Amino acid sequence: MKRLMIALLLAATAGLASAASDPATEYHTWYAGSSYTGQVSTFGLVWQCSGGTCQLSGPYGRGLNMKVCRELSRLVGPLDYYYNDAGMSWSAAENAALLKQCNAR
């Protein structure tokens, strides 16, 4: 019985470890530079905007999404930057052409 309990515990722990490393379940935070204040929804994603930054957190992958960026820009005005805590960045200094495309109307 004791061996069975240990085996079950090990199996459960292995399942948690694999779920934690699954990119679909990783939470990340995205930031966008805007002077807008309030909540904004882009394709069902709710951004919180204040203090010069709009912020969104959730299990939405690791990249930057052009459609989301363009919709946010359309709703709050041109963005000064767009980046996430996974290391992706669009700004005047890094990937400026992508930020320009995001802000195009």
Protein backbone atom coordinates (compact mmCIF):
# COMPACT_ATOMS: atom_id res chain seq x y z
CA MET A 1 0.00 0.00 0.00
CA LYS A 2 2.84 2.34 0.89
CA ARG A 3 4.50 1.69 -2.50
CA LEU A 4 1.24 2.41 -4.30
CA MET A 5 0.89 5.75 -2.47
CA ILE A 6 4.47 6.71 -3.37
CA ALA A 7 3.90 5.74 -7.01
CA LEU A 8 0.72 7.83 -7.16
CA LEU A 9 2.48 10.79 -5.57
CA LEU A 10 5.35 10.57 -8.06
CA ALA A 11 2.92 10.34 -10.99
CA ALA A 12 0.99 13.39 -9.77
CA THR A 13 4.20 15.37 -9.28
CA ALA A 14 5.38 14.49 -12.81
CA GLY A 15 2.04 15.69 -14.20
CA LEU A 16 2.37 19.03 -12.41
CA ALA A 17 5.91 19.50 -13.67
CA SER A 18 4.89 18.91 -17.29
CA ALA A 19 1.90 21.27 -16.96
CA ALA A 20 4.12 23.98 -15.48
CA SER A 21 6.50 23.79 -18.46
CA ASP A 22 3.69 23.86 -21.04
CA PRO A 23 3.86 27.25 -22.86
CA ALA A 24 0.06 27.32 -23.08
CA THR A 25 -0.19 27.50 -19.29
CA GLU A 26 2.64 29.99 -18.71
CA TYR A 27 1.48 33.40 -17.57
CA HIS A 28 3.18 36.45 -19.06
CA THR A 29 2.61 40.18 -18.91
CA TRP A 30 2.43 42.56 -21.87
CA TYR A 31 3.01 46.31 -21.70
CA ALA A 32 2.11 49.07 -24.14
CA GLY A 33 3.06 52.73 -23.84
CA SER A 34 -0.02 54.97 -23.87
CA SER A 35 -1.33 57.95 -21.93
CA TYR A 36 -4.83 56.44 -21.96
CA THR A 37 -6.43 55.71 -18.58
CA GLY A 38 -9.05 52.99 -18.09
CA GLN A 39 -9.87 49.48 -19.26
CA VAL A 40 -9.66 48.49 -22.91
CA SER A 41 -10.74 45.22 -24.49
CA THR A 42 -8.95 43.85 -27.56
CA PHE A 43 -10.39 40.62 -28.92
CA GLY A 44 -11.65 39.69 -25.43
CA LEU A 45 -8.34 40.54 -23.71
CA VAL A 46 -8.77 43.23 -21.04
CA TRP A 47 -5.94 45.75 -20.72
CA GLN A 48 -5.57 47.96 -17.63
CA CYS A 49 -4.20 51.37 -18.61
CA SER A 50 -2.81 54.02 -16.25
CA GLY A 51 0.38 55.94 -15.54
CA GLY A 52 1.51 55.84 -19.17
CA THR A 53 1.26 52.06 -19.56
CA CYS A 54 -1.40 49.57 -20.56
CA GLN A 55 -0.87 46.13 -19.05
CA LEU A 56 -2.28 42.65 -19.71
CA SER A 57 -1.41 39.36 -17.98
CA GLY A 58 -2.43 35.81 -18.81
CA PRO A 59 -1.63 32.49 -20.49
CA TYR A 60 -1.61 33.89 -24.03
CA GLY A 61 1.70 32.57 -25.31
CA ARG A 62 5.11 34.22 -25.39
CA GLY A 63 4.99 36.46 -28.46
CA LEU A 64 3.73 39.86 -29.49
CA ASN A 65 0.58 39.83 -31.59
CA MET A 66 0.25 42.39 -34.37
CA LYS A 67 -3.58 42.19 -34.47
CA VAL A 68 -3.81 42.86 -30.73
CA CYS A 69 -1.26 45.67 -30.96
CA ARG A 70 -3.10 47.34 -33.84
CA GLU A 71 -6.47 47.08 -32.10
CA LEU A 72 -5.04 48.52 -28.88
CA SER A 73 -3.42 51.35 -30.86
CA ARG A 74 -6.72 52.03 -32.64
CA LEU A 75 -8.53 52.27 -29.30
CA VAL A 76 -6.02 54.26 -27.21
CA GLY A 77 -3.93 56.07 -29.82
CA PRO A 78 -0.42 55.39 -31.10
CA LEU A 79 1.71 53.28 -28.77
CA ASP A 80 5.19 54.36 -27.65
CA TYR A 81 6.25 50.73 -27.13
CA TYR A 82 4.87 47.20 -26.96
CA TYR A 83 6.75 44.46 -25.09
CA ASN A 84 6.34 41.49 -22.78
CA ASP A 85 8.18 39.84 -19.93
CA ALA A 86 9.21 36.97 -22.23
CA GLY A 87 11.76 39.28 -23.88
CA MET A 88 9.90 40.41 -27.00
CA SER A 89 9.96 44.16 -27.70
CA TRP A 90 8.80 46.69 -30.28
CA SER A 91 9.98 50.26 -29.68
CA ALA A 92 11.74 53.13 -31.44
CA ALA A 93 15.06 51.49 -30.48
CA GLU A 94 14.15 47.86 -31.16
CA ASN A 95 11.97 46.58 -34.02
CA ALA A 96 10.84 50.10 -34.92
CA ALA A 97 9.27 48.92 -38.19
CA LEU A 98 6.97 46.55 -36.30
CA LEU A 99 5.89 49.29 -33.88
CA LYS A 100 5.24 51.57 -36.87
CA GLN A 101 3.13 48.83 -38.49
CA CYS A 102 1.24 48.40 -35.20
CA ASN A 103 0.43 52.12 -35.08
CA ALA A 104 -0.56 52.37 -38.77
CA ARG A 105 -4.20 53.15 -39.34
